[in-house]
Amino acid sequence: MIVRVEVFTDEPSYSGGRLLLKLIERIKEEYKDKIEIEIYRGANLKLKEYGIAASSALIIDKDIRIIGVCPSEETFKEALREGGV
């Protein structure tokens, strides 16, 4: 089963957002057959749908896992594991 990962960053991205986008590239390579990543930049309707008022945010399988910070790679992987990956 492929798990959907949604990533929200500011536009233009601040340092935390840029770090998160770099981290996403590493995670995408490692989990390429297990996850589908959608990246949202700047204000959009999805933010309202989830009730998110801050960026960066990481949603795994429609569950808000991390908000307001760029997680460490270890924390990101743990969130994926908890999300069923």
PDB file of N, CA and C in Angstrom:
ATOM      1  N   MET A   1       0.833  -1.181   0.000  1.00  0.00           N
ATOM      2  CA  MET A   1       0.000   0.000   0.000  1.00  0.00           C
ATOM      3  C   MET A   1       0.883   1.253   0.000  1.00  0.00           C
ATOM      4  N   ILE A   2       0.579   2.182  -0.869  1.00  0.00           N
ATOM      5  CA  ILE A   2       1.320   3.440  -0.929  1.00  0.00           C
ATOM      6  C   ILE A   2       0.654   4.446  -0.002  1.00  0.00           C
ATOM      7  N   VAL A   3       1.468   5.083   0.832  1.00  0.00           N
ATOM      8  CA  VAL A   3       0.983   6.070   1.797  1.00  0.00           C
ATOM      9  C   VAL A   3       1.197   7.465   1.226  1.00  0.00           C
ATOM     10  N   ARG A   4       0.176   8.287   1.334  1.00  0.00           N
ATOM     11  CA  ARG A   4       0.239   9.668   0.828  1.00  0.00           C
ATOM     12  C   ARG A   4       0.871  10.574   1.877  1.00  0.00           C
ATOM     13  N   VAL A   5       1.855  11.357   1.431  1.00  0.00           N
ATOM     14  CA  VAL A   5       2.538  12.330   2.283  1.00  0.00           C
ATOM     15  C   VAL A   5       2.325  13.706   1.662  1.00  0.00           C
ATOM     16  N   GLU A   6       1.763  14.628   2.444  1.00  0.00           N
ATOM     17  CA  GLU A   6       1.548  15.989   1.974  1.00  0.00           C
ATOM     18  C   GLU A   6       2.465  16.917   2.762  1.00  0.00           C
ATOM     19  N   VAL A   7       3.156  17.779   2.037  1.00  0.00           N
ATOM     20  CA  VAL A   7       4.131  18.682   2.633  1.00  0.00           C
ATOM     21  C   VAL A   7       3.717  20.115   2.316  1.00  0.00           C
ATOM     22  N   PHE A   8       3.689  20.960   3.341  1.00  0.00           N
ATOM     23  CA  PHE A   8       3.339  22.367   3.175  1.00  0.00           C
ATOM     24  C   PHE A   8       4.534  23.229   3.558  1.00  0.00           C
ATOM     25  N   THR A   9       4.900  24.164   2.670  1.00  0.00           N
ATOM     26  CA  THR A   9       5.977  25.111   2.962  1.00  0.00           C
ATOM     27  C   THR A   9       5.540  26.508   2.546  1.00  0.00           C
ATOM     28  N   ASP A  10       6.211  27.502   3.092  1.00  0.00           N
ATOM     29  CA  ASP A  10       5.953  28.883   2.693  1.00  0.00           C
ATOM     30  C   ASP A  10       6.485  29.127   1.292  1.00  0.00           C
ATOM     31  N   GLU A  11       5.986  30.174   0.669  1.00  0.00           N
ATOM     32  CA  GLU A  11       6.492  30.593  -0.639  1.00  0.00           C
ATOM     33  C   GLU A  11       6.712  32.087  -0.603  1.00  0.00           C
ATOM     34  N   PRO A  12       7.914  32.574  -0.729  1.00  0.00           N
ATOM     35  CA  PRO A  12       9.137  31.782  -0.888  1.00  0.00           C
ATOM     36  C   PRO A  12       9.498  31.075   0.417  1.00  0.00           C
ATOM     37  N   SER A  13      10.185  29.968   0.274  1.00  0.00           N
ATOM     38  CA  SER A  13      10.539  29.161   1.441  1.00  0.00           C
ATOM     39  C   SER A  13      11.581  29.845   2.308  1.00  0.00           C
ATOM     40  N   TYR A  14      11.358  29.832   3.615  1.00  0.00           N
ATOM     41  CA  TYR A  14      12.355  30.289   4.572  1.00  0.00           C
ATOM     42  C   TYR A  14      13.318  29.129   4.806  1.00  0.00           C
ATOM     43  N   SER A  15      14.272  29.296   5.689  1.00  0.00           N
ATOM     44  CA  SER A  15      15.310  28.269   5.860  1.00  0.00           C
ATOM     45  C   SER A  15      14.731  26.915   6.268  1.00  0.00           C
ATOM     46  N   GLY A  16      13.750  26.896   7.178  1.00  0.00           N
ATOM     47  CA  GLY A  16      13.143  25.630   7.589  1.00  0.00           C
ATOM     48  C   GLY A  16      12.434  24.943   6.438  1.00  0.00           C
ATOM     49  N   GLY A  17      11.775  25.730   5.596  1.00  0.00           N
ATOM     50  CA  GLY A  17      11.098  25.168   4.432  1.00  0.00           C
ATOM     51  C   GLY A  17      12.074  24.591   3.429  1.00  0.00           C
ATOM     52  N   ARG A  18      13.177  25.291   3.219  1.00  0.00           N
ATOM     53  CA  ARG A  18      14.195  24.781   2.293  1.00  0.00           C
ATOM     54  C   ARG A  18      14.806  23.488   2.830  1.00  0.00           C
ATOM     55  N   LEU A  19      15.055  23.443   4.133  1.00  0.00           N
ATOM     56  CA  LEU A  19      15.597  22.217   4.737  1.00  0.00           C
ATOM     57  C   LEU A  19      14.607  21.065   4.587  1.00  0.00           C
ATOM     58  N   LEU A  20      13.330  21.359   4.790  1.00  0.00           N
ATOM     59  CA  LEU A  20      12.308  20.325   4.656  1.00  0.00           C
ATOM     60  C   LEU A  20      12.258  19.794   3.222  1.00  0.00           C
ATOM     61  N   LEU A  21      12.350  20.669   2.243  1.00  0.00           N
ATOM     62  CA  LEU A  21      12.329  20.226   0.845  1.00  0.00           C
ATOM     63  C   LEU A  21      13.537  19.352   0.515  1.00  0.00           C
ATOM     64  N   LYS A  22      14.698  19.673   1.074  1.00  0.00           N
ATOM     65  CA  LYS A  22      15.885  18.826   0.883  1.00  0.00           C
ATOM     66  C   LYS A  22      15.687  17.464   1.546  1.00  0.00           C
ATOM     67  N   LEU A  23      15.117  17.477   2.739  1.00  0.00           N
ATOM     68  CA  LEU A  23      14.847  16.232   3.459  1.00  0.00           C
ATOM     69  C   LEU A  23      13.856  15.373   2.679  1.00  0.00           C
ATOM     70  N   ILE A  24      12.852  15.999   2.106  1.00  0.00           N
ATOM     71  CA  ILE A  24      11.856  15.277   1.312  1.00  0.00           C
ATOM     72  C   ILE A  24      12.526  14.526   0.161  1.00  0.00           C
ATOM     73  N   GLU A  25      13.489  15.146  -0.474  1.00  0.00           N
ATOM     74  CA  GLU A  25      14.188  14.481  -1.584  1.00  0.00           C
ATOM     75  C   GLU A  25      14.900  13.218  -1.113  1.00  0.00           C
ATOM     76  N   ARG A  26      15.538  13.265   0.052  1.00  0.00           N
ATOM     77  CA  ARG A  26      16.219  12.068   0.590  1.00  0.00           C
ATOM     78  C   ARG A  26      15.200  10.985   0.953  1.00  0.00           C
ATOM     79  N   ILE A  27      14.114  11.406   1.592  1.00  0.00           N
ATOM     80  CA  ILE A  27      13.076  10.456   1.998  1.00  0.00           C
ATOM     81  C   ILE A  27      12.421   9.831   0.765  1.00  0.00           C
ATOM     82  N   LYS A  28      12.154  10.656  -0.233  1.00  0.00           N
ATOM     83  CA  LYS A  28      11.518  10.176  -1.467  1.00  0.00           C
ATOM     84  C   LYS A  28      12.360   9.080  -2.112  1.00  0.00           C
ATOM     85  N   GLU A  29      13.663   9.262  -2.132  1.00  0.00           N
ATOM     86  CA  GLU A  29      14.556   8.267  -2.731  1.00  0.00           C
ATOM     87  C   GLU A  29      14.542   6.962  -1.934  1.00  0.00           C
ATOM     88  N   GLU A  30      14.568   7.068  -0.627  1.00  0.00           N
ATOM     89  CA  GLU A  30      14.613   5.873   0.223  1.00  0.00           C
ATOM     90  C   GLU A  30      13.292   5.100   0.231  1.00  0.00           C
ATOM     91  N   TYR A  31      12.171   5.816   0.178  1.00  0.00           N
ATOM     92  CA  TYR A  31      10.852   5.188   0.295  1.00  0.00           C
ATOM     93  C   TYR A  31      10.059   5.257  -1.009  1.00  0.00           C
ATOM     94  N   LYS A  32      10.731   5.337  -2.141  1.00  0.00           N
ATOM     95  CA  LYS A  32      10.076   5.641  -3.416  1.00  0.00           C
ATOM     96  C   LYS A  32       8.927   4.708  -3.780  1.00  0.00           C
ATOM     97  N   ASP A  33       8.969   3.456  -3.390  1.00  0.00           N
ATOM     98  CA  ASP A  33       7.895   2.518  -3.722  1.00  0.00           C
ATOM     99  C   ASP A  33       6.819   2.447  -2.644  1.00  0.00           C
ATOM    100  N   LYS A  34       6.996   3.205  -1.564  1.00  0.00           N
ATOM    101  CA  LYS A  34       6.077   3.102  -0.430  1.00  0.00           C
ATOM    102  C   LYS A  34       5.277   4.368  -0.158  1.00  0.00           C
ATOM    103  N   ILE A  35       5.730   5.504  -0.706  1.00  0.00           N
ATOM    104  CA  ILE A  35       5.043   6.766  -0.437  1.00  0.00           C
ATOM    105  C   ILE A  35       4.805   7.551  -1.722  1.00  0.00           C
ATOM    106  N   GLU A  36       3.777   8.383  -1.670  1.00  0.00           N
ATOM    107  CA  GLU A  36       3.474   9.341  -2.736  1.00  0.00           C
ATOM    108  C   GLU A  36       3.511  10.716  -2.085  1.00  0.00           C
ATOM    109  N   ILE A  37       4.334  11.612  -2.612  1.00  0.00           N
ATOM    110  CA  ILE A  37       4.524  12.922  -1.986  1.00  0.00           C
ATOM    111  C   ILE A  37       3.883  14.016  -2.827  1.00  0.00           C
ATOM    112  N   GLU A  38       3.108  14.869  -2.156  1.00  0.00           N
ATOM    113  CA  GLU A  38       2.521  16.058  -2.771  1.00  0.00           C
ATOM    114  C   GLU A  38       3.043  17.261  -1.996  1.00  0.00           C
ATOM    115  N   ILE A  39       3.655  18.204  -2.700  1.00  0.00           N
ATOM    116  CA  ILE A  39       4.223  19.391  -2.056  1.00  0.00           C
ATOM    117  C   ILE A  39       3.364  20.598  -2.393  1.00  0.00           C
ATOM    118  N   TYR A  40       2.958  21.330  -1.357  1.00  0.00           N
ATOM    119  CA  TYR A  40       2.175  22.555  -1.510  1.00  0.00           C
ATOM    120  C   TYR A  40       3.032  23.723  -1.041  1.00  0.00           C
ATOM    121  N   ARG A  41       3.111  24.750  -1.874  1.00  0.00           N
ATOM    122  CA  ARG A  41       3.915  25.930  -1.531  1.00  0.00           C
ATOM    123  C   ARG A  41       3.005  27.138  -1.407  1.00  0.00           C
ATOM    124  N   GLY A  42       3.153  27.856  -0.301  1.00  0.00           N
ATOM    125  CA  GLY A  42       2.372  29.071  -0.102  1.00  0.00           C
ATOM    126  C   GLY A  42       0.945  28.783   0.330  1.00  0.00           C
ATOM    127  N   ALA A  43       0.143  29.846   0.392  1.00  0.00           N
ATOM    128  CA  ALA A  43      -1.251  29.732   0.833  1.00  0.00           C
ATOM    129  C   ALA A  43      -2.061  28.933  -0.188  1.00  0.00           C
ATOM    130  N   ASN A  44      -2.902  28.035   0.316  1.00  0.00           N
ATOM    131  CA  ASN A  44      -3.786  27.269  -0.558  1.00  0.00           C
ATOM    132  C   ASN A  44      -4.956  26.710   0.244  1.00  0.00           C
ATOM    133  N   LEU A  45      -5.932  26.177  -0.444  1.00  0.00           N
ATOM    134  CA  LEU A  45      -7.145  25.683   0.211  1.00  0.00           C
ATOM    135  C   LEU A  45      -6.894  24.468   1.095  1.00  0.00           C
ATOM    136  N   LYS A  46      -5.883  23.682   0.777  1.00  0.00           N
ATOM    137  CA  LYS A  46      -5.570  22.501   1.594  1.00  0.00           C
ATOM    138  C   LYS A  46      -5.221  22.893   3.028  1.00  0.00           C
ATOM    139  N   LEU A  47      -4.558  24.039   3.204  1.00  0.00           N
ATOM    140  CA  LEU A  47      -4.237  24.510   4.552  1.00  0.00           C
ATOM    141  C   LEU A  47      -5.514  24.668   5.364  1.00  0.00           C
ATOM    142  N   LYS A  48      -6.533  25.280   4.762  1.00  0.00           N
ATOM    143  CA  LYS A  48      -7.819  25.458   5.449  1.00  0.00           C
ATOM    144  C   LYS A  48      -8.491  24.116   5.709  1.00  0.00           C
ATOM    145  N   GLU A  49      -8.393  23.219   4.750  1.00  0.00           N
ATOM    146  CA  GLU A  49      -9.005  21.899   4.897  1.00  0.00           C
ATOM    147  C   GLU A  49      -8.486  21.181   6.147  1.00  0.00           C
ATOM    148  N   TYR A  50      -7.196  21.300   6.387  1.00  0.00           N
ATOM    149  CA  TYR A  50      -6.589  20.668   7.559  1.00  0.00           C
ATOM    150  C   TYR A  50      -6.611  21.562   8.796  1.00  0.00           C
ATOM    151  N   GLY A  51      -6.993  22.822   8.633  1.00  0.00           N
ATOM    152  CA  GLY A  51      -7.000  23.750   9.764  1.00  0.00           C
ATOM    153  C   GLY A  51      -5.604  24.167  10.186  1.00  0.00           C
ATOM    154  N   ILE A  52      -4.698  24.215   9.230  1.00  0.00           N
ATOM    155  CA  ILE A  52      -3.305  24.561   9.513  1.00  0.00           C
ATOM    156  C   ILE A  52      -3.109  26.061   9.338  1.00  0.00           C
ATOM    157  N   ALA A  53      -2.493  26.685  10.327  1.00  0.00           N
ATOM    158  CA  ALA A  53      -2.233  28.125  10.258  1.00  0.00           C
ATOM    159  C   ALA A  53      -0.745  28.430  10.148  1.00  0.00           C
ATOM    160  N   ALA A  54       0.102  27.401  10.191  1.00  0.00           N
ATOM    161  CA  ALA A  54       1.554  27.624  10.166  1.00  0.00           C
ATOM    162  C   ALA A  54       2.214  26.669   9.180  1.00  0.00           C
ATOM    163  N   SER A  55       3.312  27.107   8.623  1.00  0.00           N
ATOM    164  CA  SER A  55       4.141  26.249   7.780  1.00  0.00           C
ATOM    165  C   SER A  55       5.469  26.119   8.500  1.00  0.00           C
ATOM    166  N   SER A  56       6.153  25.138   8.347  1.00  0.00           N
ATOM    167  CA  SER A  56       5.988  23.957   7.528  1.00  0.00           C
ATOM    168  C   SER A  56       5.062  22.961   8.230  1.00  0.00           C
ATOM    169  N   ALA A  57       4.493  22.067   7.419  1.00  0.00           N
ATOM    170  CA  ALA A  57       3.637  21.032   7.983  1.00  0.00           C
ATOM    171  C   ALA A  57       3.818  19.752   7.181  1.00  0.00           C
ATOM    172  N   LEU A  58       3.651  18.644   7.872  1.00  0.00           N
ATOM    173  CA  LEU A  58       3.811  17.326   7.273  1.00  0.00           C
ATOM    174  C   LEU A  58       2.582  16.494   7.625  1.00  0.00           C
ATOM    175  N   ILE A  59       1.855  16.064   6.600  1.00  0.00           N
ATOM    176  CA  ILE A  59       0.646  15.268   6.769  1.00  0.00           C
ATOM    177  C   ILE A  59       0.933  13.883   6.199  1.00  0.00           C
ATOM    178  N   ILE A  60       0.672  12.853   6.989  1.00  0.00           N
ATOM    179  CA  ILE A  60       0.877  11.488   6.522  1.00  0.00           C
ATOM    180  C   ILE A  60      -0.450  10.756   6.607  1.00  0.00           C
ATOM    181  N   ASP A  61      -0.926  10.303   5.455  1.00  0.00           N
ATOM    182  CA  ASP A  61      -2.194   9.585   5.362  1.00  0.00           C
ATOM    183  C   ASP A  61      -3.324  10.381   6.022  1.00  0.00           C
ATOM    184  N   LYS A  62      -3.403  11.667   5.693  1.00  0.00           N
ATOM    185  CA  LYS A  62      -4.424  12.615   6.160  1.00  0.00           C
ATOM    186  C   LYS A  62      -4.374  12.880   7.665  1.00  0.00           C
ATOM    187  N   ASP A  63      -3.252  12.588   8.289  1.00  0.00           N
ATOM    188  CA  ASP A  63      -3.061  12.840   9.719  1.00  0.00           C
ATOM    189  C   ASP A  63      -1.927  13.848   9.885  1.00  0.00           C
ATOM    190  N   ILE A  64      -2.202  14.957  10.565  1.00  0.00           N
ATOM    191  CA  ILE A  64      -1.171  15.971  10.790  1.00  0.00           C
ATOM    192  C   ILE A  64      -0.142  15.389  11.748  1.00  0.00           C
ATOM    193  N   ARG A  65       1.088  15.227  11.279  1.00  0.00           N
ATOM    194  CA  ARG A  65       2.147  14.616  12.091  1.00  0.00           C
ATOM    195  C   ARG A  65       3.133  15.635  12.637  1.00  0.00           C
ATOM    196  N   ILE A  66       3.492  16.632  11.833  1.00  0.00           N
ATOM    197  CA  ILE A  66       4.492  17.621  12.251  1.00  0.00           C
ATOM    198  C   ILE A  66       4.038  18.973  11.721  1.00  0.00           C
ATOM    199  N   ILE A  67       4.139  19.993  12.570  1.00  0.00           N
ATOM    200  CA  ILE A  67       3.727  21.325  12.148  1.00  0.00           C
ATOM    201  C   ILE A  67       4.633  22.378  12.770  1.00  0.00           C
ATOM    202  N   GLY A  68       5.003  23.369  11.966  1.00  0.00           N
ATOM    203  CA  GLY A  68       5.758  24.513  12.458  1.00  0.00           C
ATOM    204  C   GLY A  68       7.266  24.381  12.476  1.00  0.00           C
ATOM    205  N   VAL A  69       7.782  23.178  12.203  1.00  0.00           N
ATOM    206  CA  VAL A  69       9.235  22.970  12.223  1.00  0.00           C
ATOM    207  C   VAL A  69       9.634  21.997  11.116  1.00  0.00           C
ATOM    208  N   CYS A  70      10.910  22.012  10.791  1.00  0.00           N
ATOM    209  CA  CYS A  70      11.468  20.994   9.913  1.00  0.00           C
ATOM    210  C   CYS A  70      11.948  19.855  10.811  1.00  0.00           C
ATOM    211  N   PRO A  71      11.384  18.656  10.656  1.00  0.00           N
ATOM    212  CA  PRO A  71      11.792  17.550  11.522  1.00  0.00           C
ATOM    213  C   PRO A  71      13.180  17.030  11.158  1.00  0.00           C
ATOM    214  N   SER A  72      13.788  16.335  12.097  1.00  0.00           N
ATOM    215  CA  SER A  72      15.024  15.624  11.772  1.00  0.00           C
ATOM    216  C   SER A  72      14.656  14.443  10.878  1.00  0.00           C
ATOM    217  N   GLU A  73      15.629  13.897  10.203  1.00  0.00           N
ATOM    218  CA  GLU A  73      15.370  12.736   9.349  1.00  0.00           C
ATOM    219  C   GLU A  73      14.830  11.572  10.182  1.00  0.00           C
ATOM    220  N   GLU A  74      15.380  11.387  11.360  1.00  0.00           N
ATOM    221  CA  GLU A  74      14.928  10.315  12.252  1.00  0.00           C
ATOM    222  C   GLU A  74      13.464  10.506  12.645  1.00  0.00           C
ATOM    223  N   THR A  75      13.089  11.735  12.985  1.00  0.00           N
ATOM    224  CA  THR A  75      11.706  12.029  13.366  1.00  0.00           C
ATOM    225  C   THR A  75      10.765  11.809  12.187  1.00  0.00           C
ATOM    226  N   PHE A  76      11.189  12.224  11.000  1.00  0.00           N
ATOM    227  CA  PHE A  76      10.380  12.037   9.797  1.00  0.00           C
ATOM    228  C   PHE A  76      10.144  10.546   9.558  1.00  0.00           C
ATOM    229  N   LYS A  77      11.203   9.748   9.640  1.00  0.00           N
ATOM    230  CA  LYS A  77      11.080   8.307   9.416  1.00  0.00           C
ATOM    231  C   LYS A  77      10.184   7.656  10.466  1.00  0.00           C
ATOM    232  N   GLU A  78      10.270   8.114  11.695  1.00  0.00           N
ATOM    233  CA  GLU A  78       9.403   7.585  12.750  1.00  0.00           C
ATOM    234  C   GLU A  78       7.945   7.934  12.458  1.00  0.00           C
ATOM    235  N   ALA A  79       7.691   9.147  11.979  1.00  0.00           N
ATOM    236  CA  ALA A  79       6.329   9.545  11.613  1.00  0.00           C
ATOM    237  C   ALA A  79       5.810   8.674  10.467  1.00  0.00           C
ATOM    238  N   LEU A  80       6.668   8.362   9.505  1.00  0.00           N
ATOM    239  CA  LEU A  80       6.273   7.466   8.417  1.00  0.00           C
ATOM    240  C   LEU A  80       5.947   6.077   8.956  1.00  0.00           C
ATOM    241  N   ARG A  81       6.781   5.580   9.856  1.00  0.00           N
ATOM    242  CA  ARG A  81       6.536   4.256  10.444  1.00  0.00           C
ATOM    243  C   ARG A  81       5.195   4.240  11.167  1.00  0.00           C
ATOM    244  N   GLU A  82       4.941   5.284  11.964  1.00  0.00           N
ATOM    245  CA  GLU A  82       3.669   5.379  12.684  1.00  0.00           C
ATOM    246  C   GLU A  82       2.491   5.500  11.720  1.00  0.00           C
ATOM    247  N   GLY A  83       2.752   6.076  10.542  1.00  0.00           N
ATOM    248  CA  GLY A  83       1.713   6.235   9.531  1.00  0.00           C
ATOM    249  C   GLY A  83       1.495   5.004   8.659  1.00  0.00           C
ATOM    250  N   GLY A  84       2.231   3.938   8.925  1.00  0.00           N
ATOM    251  CA  GLY A  84       2.004   2.688   8.216  1.00  0.00           C
ATOM    252  C   GLY A  84       3.000   2.342   7.136  1.00  0.00           C
ATOM    253  N   VAL A  85       4.097   3.086   7.057  1.00  0.00           N
ATOM    254  CA  VAL A  85       5.110   2.791   6.033  1.00  0.00           C
ATOM    255  C   VAL A  85       6.105   1.786   6.585  1.00  0.00           C
TER     256      VAL A  85
END
